[in-house]
Amino acid sequence: MEINWFPLFTFVIITTFTPGPNNLSSASMGIQFGYKKAMGFTFGIASGFFIVQLITAGLSSSLNSFIRLYEQPVRYIGSAYILWLAISLIRMRYDFEEKNISTKSFLKGLLLQFVNPKGIVYGLTLYSTFLISLTNDILKLLPFAIFFSMLSLTSVTAWTLFGAGVKKYLRNEKIKTTLNIILCLLLIYSAVDLSGIMK
């Protein structure tokens, strides 16, 4: 089983904890209503994210022979996606404002995952590139799906609890720029390693 752990976890941590539909909506909930009222929404996100993880893992497993045949092109596509995330970080505004937000339910948090392209592409990238050596056995991918989902719950909980604080500090342009550059460089490293062009 050959897994490049550092690039994998670099990609997972940065992608999970940086702004996206899940994190920004959770931050908005925390800012507007506080954690208790947002709990249903955050647990809905985590549950829906787990289902999406199972679906993308299953697709990767069932398409194992196809993926292996086109492993290098898939790696390039995954690398391109990560590079796109890196470039997006440079222009990240961290804008948590949301007009007329209402308290969202568990079901709304869950359903958000099925229209969230970041989560879907994230899962396909993980299982068809970083974890391609495991795609012949979906049971080996299950612990990863559980772990990634728990990490997602940790992320949305943190963004909910500390939304107001994160918003306050990221108004400082120097802090925001420094953070974005560091995250961008780490994502570029992950993309280059994943592509295999340096091997």
N, C-alpha and C. Protein backbone atom coordinates (compact mmCIF):
# COMPACT_ATOMS: atom_id res chain seq x y z
N MET A 1 0.85 -1.19 0.00
CA MET A 1 0.00 0.00 0.00
C MET A 1 0.89 1.24 0.00
N GLU A 2 0.94 1.96 -1.10
CA GLU A 2 1.79 3.13 -1.23
C GLU A 2 0.95 4.40 -1.19
N ILE A 3 1.03 5.09 -0.06
CA ILE A 3 0.30 6.34 0.12
C ILE A 3 1.29 7.41 0.55
N ASN A 4 1.28 8.53 -0.15
CA ASN A 4 2.12 9.65 0.24
C ASN A 4 1.36 10.45 1.31
N TRP A 5 1.69 10.17 2.57
CA TRP A 5 0.88 10.67 3.68
C TRP A 5 0.95 12.19 3.84
N PHE A 6 2.14 12.77 3.72
CA PHE A 6 2.23 14.21 3.96
C PHE A 6 1.45 15.03 2.93
N PRO A 7 1.61 14.77 1.62
CA PRO A 7 0.78 15.50 0.65
C PRO A 7 -0.71 15.24 0.84
N LEU A 8 -1.05 13.99 1.21
CA LEU A 8 -2.46 13.66 1.44
C LEU A 8 -3.04 14.52 2.55
N PHE A 9 -2.36 14.54 3.70
CA PHE A 9 -2.91 15.27 4.84
C PHE A 9 -2.78 16.78 4.67
N THR A 10 -1.78 17.22 3.92
CA THR A 10 -1.70 18.65 3.61
C THR A 10 -2.94 19.07 2.82
N PHE A 11 -3.26 18.30 1.79
CA PHE A 11 -4.44 18.58 0.97
C PHE A 11 -5.71 18.52 1.80
N VAL A 12 -5.85 17.46 2.61
CA VAL A 12 -7.06 17.27 3.40
C VAL A 12 -7.26 18.39 4.41
N ILE A 13 -6.22 18.73 5.16
CA ILE A 13 -6.36 19.75 6.20
C ILE A 13 -6.68 21.11 5.60
N ILE A 14 -5.94 21.50 4.56
CA ILE A 14 -6.16 22.81 3.96
C ILE A 14 -7.54 22.89 3.30
N THR A 15 -7.90 21.86 2.55
CA THR A 15 -9.18 21.87 1.85
C THR A 15 -10.34 21.85 2.84
N THR A 16 -10.19 21.12 3.93
CA THR A 16 -11.26 21.00 4.91
C THR A 16 -11.47 22.28 5.70
N PHE A 17 -10.39 22.94 6.06
CA PHE A 17 -10.50 24.07 6.98
C PHE A 17 -10.53 25.44 6.31
N THR A 18 -10.26 25.51 5.00
CA THR A 18 -10.35 26.80 4.32
C THR A 18 -11.79 27.08 3.89
N PRO A 19 -12.10 28.35 3.56
CA PRO A 19 -13.49 28.71 3.25
C PRO A 19 -14.07 27.94 2.07
N GLY A 20 -15.30 27.58 2.21
CA GLY A 20 -16.08 26.91 1.18
C GLY A 20 -17.53 27.02 1.62
N PRO A 21 -18.46 26.45 0.86
CA PRO A 21 -19.88 26.55 1.24
C PRO A 21 -20.17 26.08 2.66
N ASN A 22 -19.57 24.96 3.08
CA ASN A 22 -19.83 24.44 4.42
C ASN A 22 -19.30 25.37 5.51
N ASN A 23 -18.03 25.76 5.38
CA ASN A 23 -17.41 26.56 6.42
C ASN A 23 -17.99 27.97 6.50
N LEU A 24 -18.23 28.58 5.34
CA LEU A 24 -18.76 29.95 5.34
C LEU A 24 -20.20 30.00 5.87
N SER A 25 -21.01 29.02 5.48
CA SER A 25 -22.39 29.02 6.00
C SER A 25 -22.40 28.73 7.49
N SER A 26 -21.48 27.89 7.96
CA SER A 26 -21.38 27.60 9.40
C SER A 26 -20.91 28.83 10.16
N ALA A 27 -19.93 29.56 9.59
CA ALA A 27 -19.46 30.79 10.23
C ALA A 27 -20.60 31.81 10.32
N SER A 28 -21.37 31.93 9.25
CA SER A 28 -22.51 32.84 9.25
C SER A 28 -23.51 32.47 10.34
N MET A 29 -23.75 31.18 10.47
CA MET A 29 -24.67 30.71 11.51
C MET A 29 -24.15 31.07 12.89
N GLY A 30 -22.84 30.84 13.12
CA GLY A 30 -22.26 31.15 14.41
C GLY A 30 -22.31 32.63 14.73
N ILE A 31 -22.04 33.47 13.72
CA ILE A 31 -22.06 34.91 13.92
C ILE A 31 -23.47 35.40 14.23
N GLN A 32 -24.45 34.87 13.49
CA GLN A 32 -25.82 35.37 13.62
C GLN A 32 -26.57 34.79 14.82
N PHE A 33 -26.35 33.49 15.10
CA PHE A 33 -27.23 32.81 16.06
C PHE A 33 -26.51 32.13 17.22
N GLY A 34 -25.18 31.96 17.13
CA GLY A 34 -24.48 31.23 18.17
C GLY A 34 -24.47 29.73 17.89
N TYR A 35 -23.61 29.01 18.61
CA TYR A 35 -23.38 27.60 18.31
C TYR A 35 -24.60 26.72 18.56
N LYS A 36 -25.30 26.93 19.67
CA LYS A 36 -26.40 26.03 20.03
C LYS A 36 -27.46 25.96 18.94
N LYS A 37 -27.84 27.12 18.42
CA LYS A 37 -28.88 27.14 17.38
C LYS A 37 -28.37 26.60 16.05
N ALA A 38 -27.05 26.55 15.88
CA ALA A 38 -26.46 26.07 14.62
C ALA A 38 -26.11 24.59 14.67
N MET A 39 -26.27 23.94 15.82
CA MET A 39 -25.82 22.55 15.97
C MET A 39 -26.47 21.60 14.96
N GLY A 40 -27.79 21.75 14.76
CA GLY A 40 -28.48 20.88 13.82
C GLY A 40 -27.90 21.01 12.42
N PHE A 41 -27.62 22.24 12.03
CA PHE A 41 -27.06 22.50 10.70
C PHE A 41 -25.67 21.88 10.56
N THR A 42 -24.81 22.05 11.57
CA THR A 42 -23.45 21.52 11.48
C THR A 42 -23.44 19.99 11.46
N PHE A 43 -24.31 19.38 12.24
CA PHE A 43 -24.37 17.91 12.21
C PHE A 43 -24.98 17.41 10.90
N GLY A 44 -25.87 18.20 10.32
CA GLY A 44 -26.41 17.85 9.00
C GLY A 44 -25.31 17.88 7.94
N ILE A 45 -24.44 18.88 8.02
CA ILE A 45 -23.31 18.97 7.10
C ILE A 45 -22.43 17.74 7.21
N ALA A 46 -22.08 17.37 8.45
CA ALA A 46 -21.19 16.22 8.66
C ALA A 46 -21.83 14.93 8.16
N SER A 47 -23.12 14.77 8.38
CA SER A 47 -23.81 13.54 7.93
C SER A 47 -23.87 13.48 6.41
N GLY A 48 -24.22 14.58 5.79
CA GLY A 48 -24.27 14.62 4.32
C GLY A 48 -22.90 14.43 3.71
N PHE A 49 -21.89 15.01 4.35
CA PHE A 49 -20.52 14.88 3.86
C PHE A 49 -20.08 13.42 3.90
N PHE A 50 -20.46 12.69 4.95
CA PHE A 50 -20.12 11.27 5.06
C PHE A 50 -20.78 10.47 3.94
N ILE A 51 -22.01 10.78 3.62
CA ILE A 51 -22.71 10.08 2.53
C ILE A 51 -22.00 10.34 1.21
N VAL A 52 -21.62 11.59 0.96
CA VAL A 52 -20.90 11.94 -0.27
C VAL A 52 -19.56 11.22 -0.32
N GLN A 53 -18.88 11.11 0.84
CA GLN A 53 -17.62 10.38 0.90
C GLN A 53 -17.81 8.92 0.51
N LEU A 54 -18.87 8.29 1.01
CA LEU A 54 -19.14 6.89 0.67
C LEU A 54 -19.43 6.74 -0.83
N ILE A 55 -20.19 7.68 -1.39
CA ILE A 55 -20.53 7.62 -2.82
C ILE A 55 -19.27 7.77 -3.67
N THR A 56 -18.44 8.76 -3.37
CA THR A 56 -17.23 8.99 -4.16
C THR A 56 -16.22 7.85 -3.99
N ALA A 57 -16.15 7.29 -2.77
CA ALA A 57 -15.28 6.14 -2.55
C ALA A 57 -15.77 4.95 -3.35
N GLY A 58 -17.10 4.75 -3.35
CA GLY A 58 -17.68 3.65 -4.11
C GLY A 58 -17.46 3.80 -5.60
N LEU A 59 -17.60 5.02 -6.10
CA LEU A 59 -17.35 5.27 -7.52
C LEU A 59 -15.90 4.97 -7.87
N SER A 60 -15.00 5.40 -7.02
CA SER A 60 -13.58 5.15 -7.26
C SER A 60 -13.28 3.66 -7.25
N SER A 61 -13.94 2.93 -6.33
CA SER A 61 -13.72 1.49 -6.23
C SER A 61 -14.29 0.75 -7.43
N SER A 62 -15.52 1.12 -7.83
CA SER A 62 -16.16 0.42 -8.95
C SER A 62 -15.50 0.75 -10.29
N LEU A 63 -14.88 1.92 -10.34
CA LEU A 63 -14.20 2.32 -11.57
C LEU A 63 -12.70 2.10 -11.49
N ASN A 64 -12.32 1.17 -10.60
CA ASN A 64 -10.90 0.95 -10.32
C ASN A 64 -10.07 0.69 -11.57
N SER A 65 -10.53 -0.24 -12.41
CA SER A 65 -9.75 -0.59 -13.60
C SER A 65 -9.65 0.59 -14.56
N PHE A 66 -10.75 1.33 -14.68
CA PHE A 66 -10.74 2.52 -15.55
C PHE A 66 -9.77 3.56 -15.01
N ILE A 67 -9.83 3.79 -13.68
CA ILE A 67 -8.97 4.79 -13.05
C ILE A 67 -7.51 4.41 -13.21
N ARG A 68 -7.19 3.11 -13.04
CA ARG A 68 -5.80 2.67 -13.15
C ARG A 68 -5.29 2.83 -14.59
N LEU A 69 -6.18 2.58 -15.55
CA LEU A 69 -5.80 2.73 -16.95
C LEU A 69 -5.44 4.17 -17.26
N TYR A 70 -6.17 5.10 -16.63
CA TYR A 70 -5.96 6.52 -16.88
C TYR A 70 -5.41 7.22 -15.63
N GLU A 71 -4.58 6.49 -14.87
CA GLU A 71 -4.10 7.03 -13.60
C GLU A 71 -3.35 8.35 -13.76
N GLN A 72 -2.45 8.42 -14.75
CA GLN A 72 -1.67 9.64 -14.87
C GLN A 72 -2.52 10.84 -15.28
N PRO A 73 -3.41 10.69 -16.28
CA PRO A 73 -4.30 11.83 -16.58
C PRO A 73 -5.15 12.24 -15.39
N VAL A 74 -5.64 11.24 -14.63
CA VAL A 74 -6.43 11.55 -13.44
C VAL A 74 -5.60 12.32 -12.43
N ARG A 75 -4.33 11.93 -12.29
CA ARG A 75 -3.42 12.65 -11.39
C ARG A 75 -3.26 14.11 -11.83
N TYR A 76 -3.13 14.30 -13.14
CA TYR A 76 -2.98 15.67 -13.66
C TYR A 76 -4.25 16.49 -13.40
N ILE A 77 -5.40 15.86 -13.58
CA ILE A 77 -6.67 16.56 -13.32
C ILE A 77 -6.77 16.93 -11.84
N GLY A 78 -6.44 15.96 -10.97
CA GLY A 78 -6.45 16.23 -9.53
C GLY A 78 -5.48 17.34 -9.16
N SER A 79 -4.30 17.31 -9.77
CA SER A 79 -3.29 18.35 -9.51
C SER A 79 -3.78 19.72 -9.97
N ALA A 80 -4.44 19.73 -11.14
CA ALA A 80 -4.97 21.00 -11.68
C ALA A 80 -6.04 21.57 -10.74
N TYR A 81 -6.87 20.69 -10.20
CA TYR A 81 -7.90 21.14 -9.25
C TYR A 81 -7.26 21.75 -8.00
N ILE A 82 -6.21 21.11 -7.49
CA ILE A 82 -5.53 21.62 -6.30
C ILE A 82 -4.86 22.95 -6.60
N LEU A 83 -4.25 23.08 -7.77
CA LEU A 83 -3.65 24.35 -8.17
C LEU A 83 -4.70 25.45 -8.28
N TRP A 84 -5.88 25.10 -8.78
CA TRP A 84 -6.98 26.07 -8.86
C TRP A 84 -7.37 26.54 -7.46
N LEU A 85 -7.41 25.60 -6.49
CA LEU A 85 -7.69 25.98 -5.11
C LEU A 85 -6.62 26.93 -4.58
N ALA A 86 -5.36 26.64 -4.91
CA ALA A 86 -4.24 27.47 -4.46
C ALA A 86 -4.37 28.89 -4.99
N ILE A 87 -4.69 29.02 -6.28
CA ILE A 87 -4.84 30.34 -6.89
C ILE A 87 -6.04 31.07 -6.28
N SER A 88 -7.10 30.33 -5.99
CA SER A 88 -8.29 30.93 -5.38
C SER A 88 -7.98 31.52 -4.01
N LEU A 89 -7.08 30.87 -3.28
CA LEU A 89 -6.73 31.34 -1.94
C LEU A 89 -6.12 32.74 -1.96
N ILE A 90 -5.35 33.04 -2.98
CA ILE A 90 -4.69 34.35 -3.07
C ILE A 90 -5.72 35.48 -3.08
N ARG A 91 -6.88 35.21 -3.69
CA ARG A 91 -7.91 36.25 -3.80
C ARG A 91 -9.03 36.08 -2.78
N MET A 92 -8.84 35.21 -1.79
CA MET A 92 -9.89 34.90 -0.82
C MET A 92 -10.25 36.13 0.00
N ARG A 93 -11.54 36.43 0.09
CA ARG A 93 -12.01 37.62 0.81
C ARG A 93 -12.42 37.31 2.24
N TYR A 94 -12.76 36.06 2.55
CA TYR A 94 -13.25 35.69 3.88
C TYR A 94 -14.44 36.57 4.28
N ASP A 95 -15.39 36.66 3.40
CA ASP A 95 -16.57 37.48 3.65
C ASP A 95 -17.66 36.61 4.25
N PHE A 96 -17.99 36.85 5.51
CA PHE A 96 -18.97 36.02 6.21
C PHE A 96 -20.37 36.62 6.22
N GLU A 97 -20.53 37.77 5.60
CA GLU A 97 -21.83 38.42 5.65
C GLU A 97 -22.85 37.64 4.83
N GLU A 98 -24.01 37.52 5.38
CA GLU A 98 -25.08 36.84 4.65
C GLU A 98 -26.39 37.53 4.99
N LYS A 99 -27.07 38.03 3.98
CA LYS A 99 -28.29 38.80 4.20
C LYS A 99 -29.46 37.87 4.51
N ASN A 100 -30.28 38.30 5.44
CA ASN A 100 -31.53 37.61 5.77
C ASN A 100 -31.33 36.12 6.05
N ILE A 101 -30.27 35.79 6.76
CA ILE A 101 -30.02 34.38 7.08
C ILE A 101 -31.04 33.90 8.11
N SER A 102 -31.50 32.70 7.96
CA SER A 102 -32.42 32.11 8.94
C SER A 102 -31.77 30.87 9.52
N THR A 103 -32.25 30.46 10.69
CA THR A 103 -31.69 29.28 11.32
C THR A 103 -31.96 28.07 10.43
N LYS A 104 -30.91 27.35 10.07
CA LYS A 104 -31.05 26.24 9.14
C LYS A 104 -31.06 24.93 9.91
N SER A 105 -31.72 23.95 9.34
CA SER A 105 -31.94 22.68 10.02
C SER A 105 -30.91 21.64 9.62
N PHE A 106 -31.00 20.51 10.32
CA PHE A 106 -30.17 19.35 10.00
C PHE A 106 -30.34 18.96 8.53
N LEU A 107 -31.58 18.92 8.06
CA LEU A 107 -31.85 18.49 6.69
C LEU A 107 -31.23 19.44 5.68
N LYS A 108 -31.29 20.73 5.94
CA LYS A 108 -30.70 21.69 5.01
C LYS A 108 -29.19 21.56 4.96
N GLY A 109 -28.57 21.32 6.12
CA GLY A 109 -27.13 21.09 6.15
C GLY A 109 -26.75 19.84 5.40
N LEU A 110 -27.57 18.79 5.54
CA LEU A 110 -27.31 17.53 4.84
C LEU A 110 -27.44 17.70 3.33
N LEU A 111 -28.54 18.33 2.90
CA LEU A 111 -28.79 18.49 1.47
C LEU A 111 -27.78 19.41 0.79
N LEU A 112 -27.19 20.32 1.55
CA LEU A 112 -26.18 21.20 0.99
C LEU A 112 -25.03 20.41 0.37
N GLN A 113 -24.74 19.23 0.92
CA GLN A 113 -23.60 18.44 0.45
C GLN A 113 -23.79 17.91 -0.96
N PHE A 114 -25.02 17.76 -1.37
CA PHE A 114 -25.29 17.19 -2.69
C PHE A 114 -25.33 18.25 -3.79
N VAL A 115 -25.21 19.51 -3.39
CA VAL A 115 -25.10 20.59 -4.38
C VAL A 115 -23.81 21.38 -4.14
N ASN A 116 -22.92 20.79 -3.36
CA ASN A 116 -21.64 21.43 -3.03
C ASN A 116 -20.53 20.83 -3.88
N PRO A 117 -20.16 21.48 -4.99
CA PRO A 117 -19.15 20.88 -5.88
C PRO A 117 -17.79 20.69 -5.21
N LYS A 118 -17.46 21.56 -4.25
CA LYS A 118 -16.18 21.42 -3.57
C LYS A 118 -16.08 20.07 -2.87
N GLY A 119 -17.15 19.67 -2.16
CA GLY A 119 -17.14 18.40 -1.44
C GLY A 119 -17.09 17.20 -2.37
N ILE A 120 -17.81 17.27 -3.48
CA ILE A 120 -17.86 16.15 -4.43
C ILE A 120 -16.51 15.98 -5.12
N VAL A 121 -15.96 17.08 -5.63
CA VAL A 121 -14.65 17.01 -6.30
C VAL A 121 -13.56 16.62 -5.32
N TYR A 122 -13.69 17.11 -4.08
CA TYR A 122 -12.76 16.74 -3.01
C TYR A 122 -12.70 15.23 -2.83
N GLY A 123 -13.87 14.59 -2.73
CA GLY A 123 -13.93 13.15 -2.54
C GLY A 123 -13.35 12.40 -3.73
N LEU A 124 -13.74 12.80 -4.93
CA LEU A 124 -13.22 12.13 -6.13
C LEU A 124 -11.71 12.29 -6.25
N THR A 125 -11.20 13.48 -5.89
CA THR A 125 -9.76 13.71 -5.93
C THR A 125 -9.03 12.81 -4.94
N LEU A 126 -9.57 12.72 -3.72
CA LEU A 126 -8.93 11.90 -2.68
C LEU A 126 -8.83 10.44 -3.09
N TYR A 127 -9.95 9.87 -3.49
CA TYR A 127 -10.00 8.42 -3.71
C TYR A 127 -9.42 7.98 -5.05
N SER A 128 -9.47 8.86 -6.04
CA SER A 128 -8.97 8.45 -7.36
C SER A 128 -7.52 8.87 -7.61
N THR A 129 -6.94 9.61 -6.67
CA THR A 129 -5.54 10.02 -6.84
C THR A 129 -4.72 9.64 -5.62
N PHE A 130 -4.91 10.33 -4.49
CA PHE A 130 -4.11 10.06 -3.30
C PHE A 130 -4.27 8.62 -2.79
N LEU A 131 -5.48 8.08 -2.87
CA LEU A 131 -5.76 6.75 -2.31
C LEU A 131 -6.04 5.72 -3.40
N ILE A 132 -5.49 5.95 -4.57
CA ILE A 132 -5.78 5.04 -5.69
C ILE A 132 -5.32 3.61 -5.42
N SER A 133 -4.28 3.44 -4.58
CA SER A 133 -3.77 2.09 -4.30
C SER A 133 -4.76 1.27 -3.48
N LEU A 134 -5.80 1.92 -2.93
CA LEU A 134 -6.79 1.21 -2.11
C LEU A 134 -8.12 1.01 -2.81
N THR A 135 -8.26 1.52 -4.04
CA THR A 135 -9.57 1.53 -4.68
C THR A 135 -10.06 0.14 -5.10
N ASN A 136 -9.20 -0.88 -4.98
CA ASN A 136 -9.66 -2.23 -5.31
C ASN A 136 -10.45 -2.85 -4.16
N ASP A 137 -10.51 -2.18 -3.01
CA ASP A 137 -11.23 -2.71 -1.86
C ASP A 137 -11.89 -1.55 -1.12
N ILE A 138 -13.20 -1.41 -1.31
CA ILE A 138 -13.91 -0.27 -0.72
C ILE A 138 -13.88 -0.30 0.80
N LEU A 139 -13.77 -1.50 1.39
CA LEU A 139 -13.73 -1.59 2.85
C LEU A 139 -12.49 -0.90 3.42
N LYS A 140 -11.41 -0.88 2.64
CA LYS A 140 -10.21 -0.19 3.08
C LYS A 140 -10.37 1.32 3.01
N LEU A 141 -11.31 1.77 2.19
CA LEU A 141 -11.56 3.21 2.07
C LEU A 141 -12.52 3.71 3.15
N LEU A 142 -13.29 2.81 3.76
CA LEU A 142 -14.29 3.20 4.76
C LEU A 142 -13.68 3.98 5.94
N PRO A 143 -12.57 3.50 6.54
CA PRO A 143 -11.99 4.28 7.65
C PRO A 143 -11.59 5.69 7.23
N PHE A 144 -11.14 5.84 5.97
CA PHE A 144 -10.78 7.17 5.49
C PHE A 144 -12.03 8.04 5.38
N ALA A 145 -13.12 7.47 4.87
CA ALA A 145 -14.37 8.23 4.75
C ALA A 145 -14.85 8.70 6.11
N ILE A 146 -14.75 7.83 7.10
CA ILE A 146 -15.15 8.19 8.47
C ILE A 146 -14.24 9.30 9.01
N PHE A 147 -12.93 9.13 8.82
CA PHE A 147 -11.98 10.13 9.32
C PHE A 147 -12.20 11.49 8.66
N PHE A 148 -12.35 11.51 7.34
CA PHE A 148 -12.55 12.77 6.62
C PHE A 148 -13.85 13.45 7.07
N SER A 149 -14.88 12.66 7.35
CA SER A 149 -16.15 13.21 7.80
C SER A 149 -16.04 13.79 9.21
N MET A 150 -15.31 13.11 10.08
CA MET A 150 -15.10 13.63 11.43
C MET A 150 -14.29 14.93 11.38
N LEU A 151 -13.33 14.97 10.46
CA LEU A 151 -12.54 16.18 10.29
C LEU A 151 -13.43 17.32 9.78
N SER A 152 -14.36 17.00 8.90
CA SER A 152 -15.30 18.00 8.40
C SER A 152 -16.16 18.55 9.54
N LEU A 153 -16.62 17.65 10.42
CA LEU A 153 -17.41 18.10 11.57
C LEU A 153 -16.59 19.02 12.47
N THR A 154 -15.32 18.66 12.67
CA THR A 154 -14.43 19.51 13.47
C THR A 154 -14.30 20.89 12.84
N SER A 155 -14.16 20.91 11.52
CA SER A 155 -13.99 22.17 10.80
C SER A 155 -15.22 23.06 10.92
N VAL A 156 -16.39 22.52 10.60
CA VAL A 156 -17.60 23.37 10.63
C VAL A 156 -17.93 23.79 12.06
N THR A 157 -17.60 22.94 13.04
CA THR A 157 -17.81 23.32 14.44
C THR A 157 -16.89 24.48 14.81
N ALA A 158 -15.63 24.39 14.39
CA ALA A 158 -14.68 25.46 14.68
C ALA A 158 -15.10 26.76 14.02
N TRP A 159 -15.54 26.69 12.75
CA TRP A 159 -15.97 27.90 12.04
C TRP A 159 -17.23 28.48 12.68
N THR A 160 -18.10 27.62 13.21
CA THR A 160 -19.30 28.11 13.88
C THR A 160 -18.94 28.79 15.20
N LEU A 161 -18.13 28.13 16.00
CA LEU A 161 -17.77 28.65 17.32
C LEU A 161 -16.94 29.93 17.26
N PHE A 162 -16.02 29.94 16.29
CA PHE A 162 -15.08 31.06 16.24
C PHE A 162 -15.28 31.98 15.04
N GLY A 163 -16.46 31.91 14.43
CA GLY A 163 -16.74 32.73 13.26
C GLY A 163 -16.50 34.21 13.49
N ALA A 164 -17.02 34.72 14.59
CA ALA A 164 -16.86 36.14 14.86
C ALA A 164 -15.39 36.51 15.04
N GLY A 165 -14.64 35.66 15.74
CA GLY A 165 -13.22 35.92 15.96
C GLY A 165 -12.41 35.85 14.68
N VAL A 166 -12.70 34.84 13.85
CA VAL A 166 -12.00 34.69 12.57
C VAL A 166 -12.27 35.90 11.69
N LYS A 167 -13.53 36.33 11.67
CA LYS A 167 -13.90 37.49 10.86
C LYS A 167 -13.12 38.73 11.31
N LYS A 168 -13.02 38.91 12.62
CA LYS A 168 -12.33 40.08 13.18
C LYS A 168 -10.86 40.12 12.75
N TYR A 169 -10.16 38.99 12.90
CA TYR A 169 -8.73 38.98 12.62
C TYR A 169 -8.43 39.02 11.12
N LEU A 170 -9.29 38.42 10.32
CA LEU A 170 -9.03 38.38 8.89
C LEU A 170 -9.39 39.69 8.19
N ARG A 171 -9.85 40.67 8.95
CA ARG A 171 -10.00 42.01 8.39
C ARG A 171 -8.64 42.70 8.28
N ASN A 172 -7.66 42.16 9.01
CA ASN A 172 -6.29 42.68 8.94
C ASN A 172 -5.64 42.13 7.67
N GLU A 173 -5.33 43.02 6.73
CA GLU A 173 -4.84 42.59 5.42
C GLU A 173 -3.52 41.83 5.51
N LYS A 174 -2.63 42.22 6.42
CA LYS A 174 -1.34 41.54 6.55
C LYS A 174 -1.52 40.09 7.01
N ILE A 175 -2.38 39.88 7.99
CA ILE A 175 -2.65 38.53 8.48
C ILE A 175 -3.29 37.69 7.39
N LYS A 176 -4.29 38.27 6.71
CA LYS A 176 -4.99 37.55 5.65
C LYS A 176 -4.04 37.17 4.52
N THR A 177 -3.20 38.10 4.08
CA THR A 177 -2.26 37.84 2.98
C THR A 177 -1.24 36.78 3.35
N THR A 178 -0.68 36.89 4.56
CA THR A 178 0.32 35.91 5.02
C THR A 178 -0.28 34.51 5.08
N LEU A 179 -1.47 34.40 5.66
CA LEU A 179 -2.15 33.11 5.76
C LEU A 179 -2.41 32.53 4.38
N ASN A 180 -2.92 33.35 3.47
CA ASN A 180 -3.23 32.88 2.13
C ASN A 180 -2.00 32.40 1.38
N ILE A 181 -0.87 33.11 1.52
CA ILE A 181 0.37 32.72 0.84
C ILE A 181 0.88 31.38 1.36
N ILE A 182 0.86 31.20 2.69
CA ILE A 182 1.32 29.93 3.28
C ILE A 182 0.46 28.77 2.79
N LEU A 183 -0.85 28.93 2.84
CA LEU A 183 -1.76 27.87 2.40
C LEU A 183 -1.59 27.60 0.91
N CYS A 184 -1.41 28.65 0.14
CA CYS A 184 -1.23 28.52 -1.31
C CYS A 184 0.02 27.69 -1.62
N LEU A 185 1.12 27.99 -0.96
CA LEU A 185 2.38 27.26 -1.20
C LEU A 185 2.26 25.79 -0.81
N LEU A 186 1.57 25.51 0.29
CA LEU A 186 1.39 24.11 0.70
C LEU A 186 0.53 23.35 -0.31
N LEU A 187 -0.50 24.01 -0.84
CA LEU A 187 -1.33 23.35 -1.85
C LEU A 187 -0.55 23.12 -3.14
N ILE A 188 0.29 24.06 -3.52
CA ILE A 188 1.11 23.87 -4.72
C ILE A 188 2.04 22.68 -4.54
N TYR A 189 2.62 22.55 -3.34
CA TYR A 189 3.46 21.39 -3.05
C TYR A 189 2.67 20.09 -3.23
N SER A 190 1.47 20.05 -2.68
CA SER A 190 0.62 18.85 -2.81
C SER A 190 0.33 18.53 -4.27
N ALA A 191 0.03 19.56 -5.05
CA ALA A 191 -0.28 19.37 -6.47
C ALA A 191 0.90 18.81 -7.24
N VAL A 192 2.09 19.38 -6.99
CA VAL A 192 3.30 18.92 -7.70
C VAL A 192 3.61 17.48 -7.32
N ASP A 193 3.52 17.16 -6.01
CA ASP A 193 3.82 15.80 -5.58
C ASP A 193 2.82 14.81 -6.17
N LEU A 194 1.55 15.19 -6.17
CA LEU A 194 0.50 14.32 -6.70
C LEU A 194 0.69 14.05 -8.18
N SER A 195 1.10 15.05 -8.94
CA SER A 195 1.23 14.90 -10.38
C SER A 195 2.32 13.89 -10.77
N GLY A 196 3.32 13.72 -9.90
CA GLY A 196 4.40 12.79 -10.19
C GLY A 196 5.46 13.34 -11.11
N ILE A 197 5.39 14.63 -11.46
CA ILE A 197 6.35 15.17 -12.44
C ILE A 197 7.75 15.32 -11.85
N MET A 198 7.88 15.28 -10.53
CA MET A 198 9.19 15.43 -9.90
C MET A 198 9.85 14.08 -9.60
N LYS A 199 9.15 12.99 -9.95
CA LYS A 199 9.69 11.65 -9.64
C LYS A 199 10.47 11.09 -10.82
